[in-house]
Amino acid sequence: MDALLGILIRWIHIVSMATALGGTVYTLLILRPASAVLKPDDRAALSEAAAVRLRPWAIVIALALLGSGFYNFFTKAAFPPGYHMWFGIKVLLALHVLAVLVMNTLPGRGAAKRMRTATGAAVSALVIVAISGYLRWISK
């Protein structure tokens, strides 16, 4: 039963991370250029509509990532040297990504500001993936 719970929690963590990162990258690479053909008022309306629909998912993703991440950390058997330092950096970057994810769902934020902050969050998320790979590698 412990193995099943661990696998489920890990799955939740990976799916939540993939959804957050994938959504951010999609927004930057697809939605931003596609919305550039719209009139400024239509672009603002699209941004607001997307933010309203994202809000409940953003909260679920943030809670799932935090909960599953801490579960994975506290159930880990041993930590190799340097693990805590890199894990701390990863957590700080993750808090940045989650804050942007939730903040970008606030009404009246503006499409330009949402895109600018999403760009920084996407970079942070990609660095998190790299750190996660390194932490996995040193833990073997």
Protein backbone atom coordinates (compact mmCIF):
# COMPACT_ATOMS: atom_id res chain seq x y z
CA MET A 1 0.00 0.00 0.00
CA ASP A 2 2.91 2.36 0.72
CA ALA A 3 4.25 1.83 -2.79
CA LEU A 4 0.87 2.59 -4.33
CA LEU A 5 0.50 5.80 -2.32
CA GLY A 6 4.05 6.88 -3.22
CA ILE A 7 3.44 6.22 -6.92
CA LEU A 8 0.12 8.09 -6.83
CA ILE A 9 1.65 11.11 -5.09
CA ARG A 10 4.57 11.16 -7.53
CA TRP A 11 2.12 10.94 -10.44
CA ILE A 12 0.13 13.88 -9.02
CA HIS A 13 3.35 15.88 -8.68
CA ILE A 14 4.52 15.20 -12.23
CA VAL A 15 1.10 15.80 -13.82
CA SER A 16 0.66 19.07 -11.90
CA MET A 17 4.12 20.25 -12.90
CA ALA A 18 3.59 19.26 -16.54
CA THR A 19 0.26 21.08 -16.60
CA ALA A 20 1.73 24.26 -15.11
CA LEU A 21 4.80 24.26 -17.35
CA GLY A 22 2.90 23.17 -20.46
CA GLY A 23 0.22 25.79 -19.96
CA THR A 24 2.80 28.52 -19.51
CA VAL A 25 4.79 27.51 -22.57
CA TYR A 26 1.58 27.20 -24.62
CA THR A 27 0.56 30.69 -23.55
CA LEU A 28 3.92 32.15 -24.55
CA LEU A 29 4.48 30.28 -27.81
CA ILE A 30 0.94 29.88 -29.14
CA LEU A 31 -1.64 32.09 -27.45
CA ARG A 32 0.49 35.26 -27.32
CA PRO A 33 1.35 35.31 -31.05
CA ALA A 34 -2.18 34.24 -32.02
CA SER A 35 -3.77 37.00 -29.94
CA ALA A 36 -1.52 39.61 -31.58
CA VAL A 37 -3.86 39.63 -34.59
CA LEU A 38 -6.76 40.75 -32.38
CA LYS A 39 -7.74 44.33 -31.67
CA PRO A 40 -6.43 45.60 -28.30
CA ASP A 41 -9.90 45.44 -26.70
CA ASP A 42 -10.43 41.88 -27.94
CA ARG A 43 -6.96 40.89 -26.75
CA ALA A 44 -7.77 42.26 -23.27
CA ALA A 45 -11.10 40.41 -23.24
CA LEU A 46 -9.39 37.16 -24.24
CA SER A 47 -6.79 37.62 -21.50
CA GLU A 48 -9.47 38.24 -18.86
CA ALA A 49 -11.58 35.28 -20.01
CA ALA A 50 -8.57 32.96 -19.94
CA ALA A 51 -7.61 34.20 -16.46
CA VAL A 52 -11.09 33.53 -15.09
CA ARG A 53 -11.05 29.98 -16.46
CA LEU A 54 -7.50 29.35 -15.22
CA ARG A 55 -8.07 30.47 -11.62
CA PRO A 56 -9.62 27.27 -10.16
CA TRP A 57 -7.06 25.13 -12.00
CA ALA A 58 -4.20 27.33 -10.82
CA ILE A 59 -5.25 26.87 -7.20
CA VAL A 60 -5.63 23.09 -7.61
CA ILE A 61 -2.23 22.86 -9.34
CA ALA A 62 -0.53 24.97 -6.65
CA LEU A 63 -2.00 22.89 -3.81
CA ALA A 64 -1.22 19.61 -5.58
CA LEU A 65 2.40 20.61 -6.23
CA LEU A 66 3.00 21.85 -2.71
CA GLY A 67 1.30 18.89 -1.04
CA SER A 68 2.88 16.21 -3.21
CA GLY A 69 6.27 17.91 -3.15
CA PHE A 70 6.41 18.02 0.62
CA TYR A 71 5.13 14.44 0.85
CA ASN A 72 7.89 13.29 -1.50
CA PHE A 73 10.50 15.23 0.49
CA PHE A 74 9.45 14.00 3.93
CA THR A 75 9.17 10.36 2.86
CA LYS A 76 12.62 10.30 1.23
CA ALA A 77 14.88 7.81 3.01
CA ALA A 78 18.26 9.53 2.66
CA PHE A 79 19.72 12.74 1.30
CA PRO A 80 23.10 12.86 -0.45
CA PRO A 81 25.49 15.77 0.17
CA GLY A 82 24.32 18.99 -1.48
CA TYR A 83 20.73 17.82 -1.82
CA HIS A 84 19.23 20.31 0.63
CA MET A 85 20.89 23.30 -1.03
CA TRP A 86 19.55 22.42 -4.48
CA PHE A 87 16.18 21.44 -3.07
CA GLY A 88 15.93 24.84 -1.37
CA ILE A 89 16.69 26.61 -4.64
CA LYS A 90 14.10 24.44 -6.37
CA VAL A 91 11.46 25.31 -3.75
CA LEU A 92 12.13 29.05 -4.07
CA LEU A 93 11.83 28.87 -7.84
CA ALA A 94 8.66 26.76 -7.50
CA LEU A 95 7.13 29.38 -5.20
CA HIS A 96 7.91 31.98 -7.87
CA VAL A 97 6.19 29.90 -10.56
CA LEU A 98 3.15 29.22 -8.37
CA ALA A 99 2.85 32.87 -7.32
CA VAL A 100 2.89 33.98 -10.96
CA LEU A 101 0.41 31.25 -11.88
CA VAL A 102 -2.07 32.43 -9.26
CA MET A 103 -1.36 36.17 -9.66
CA ASN A 104 -1.95 35.97 -13.41
CA THR A 105 -5.52 34.86 -12.72
CA LEU A 106 -6.39 38.07 -10.89
CA PRO A 107 -8.84 40.32 -12.74
CA GLY A 108 -7.57 43.56 -14.25
CA ARG A 109 -3.94 42.44 -14.40
CA GLY A 110 -3.55 43.22 -18.10
CA ALA A 111 -2.46 41.00 -20.96
CA ALA A 112 1.00 42.55 -21.31
CA LYS A 113 1.80 42.09 -17.62
CA ARG A 114 0.50 38.52 -17.68
CA MET A 115 2.76 37.67 -20.61
CA ARG A 116 5.80 39.35 -19.05
CA THR A 117 5.43 37.53 -15.75
CA ALA A 118 4.61 34.25 -17.49
CA THR A 119 7.91 34.49 -19.39
CA GLY A 120 9.85 34.68 -16.12
CA ALA A 121 7.81 31.83 -14.66
CA ALA A 122 8.49 29.65 -17.71
CA VAL A 123 12.24 30.21 -17.35
CA SER A 124 12.04 29.38 -13.65
CA ALA A 125 10.00 26.25 -14.38
CA LEU A 126 12.55 25.02 -16.92
CA VAL A 127 15.33 25.56 -14.36
CA ILE A 128 13.25 23.59 -11.83
CA VAL A 129 13.06 20.65 -14.25
CA ALA A 130 16.84 20.74 -14.65
CA ILE A 131 17.39 20.86 -10.88
CA SER A 132 14.91 18.01 -10.41
CA GLY A 133 16.85 15.89 -12.88
CA TYR A 134 20.07 16.63 -11.03
CA LEU A 135 18.53 15.81 -7.64
CA ARG A 136 17.24 12.53 -9.04
CA TRP A 137 20.67 11.74 -10.43
CA ILE A 138 22.57 12.42 -7.18
CA SER A 139 20.01 10.42 -5.18
CA LYS A 140 20.82 7.11 -6.90
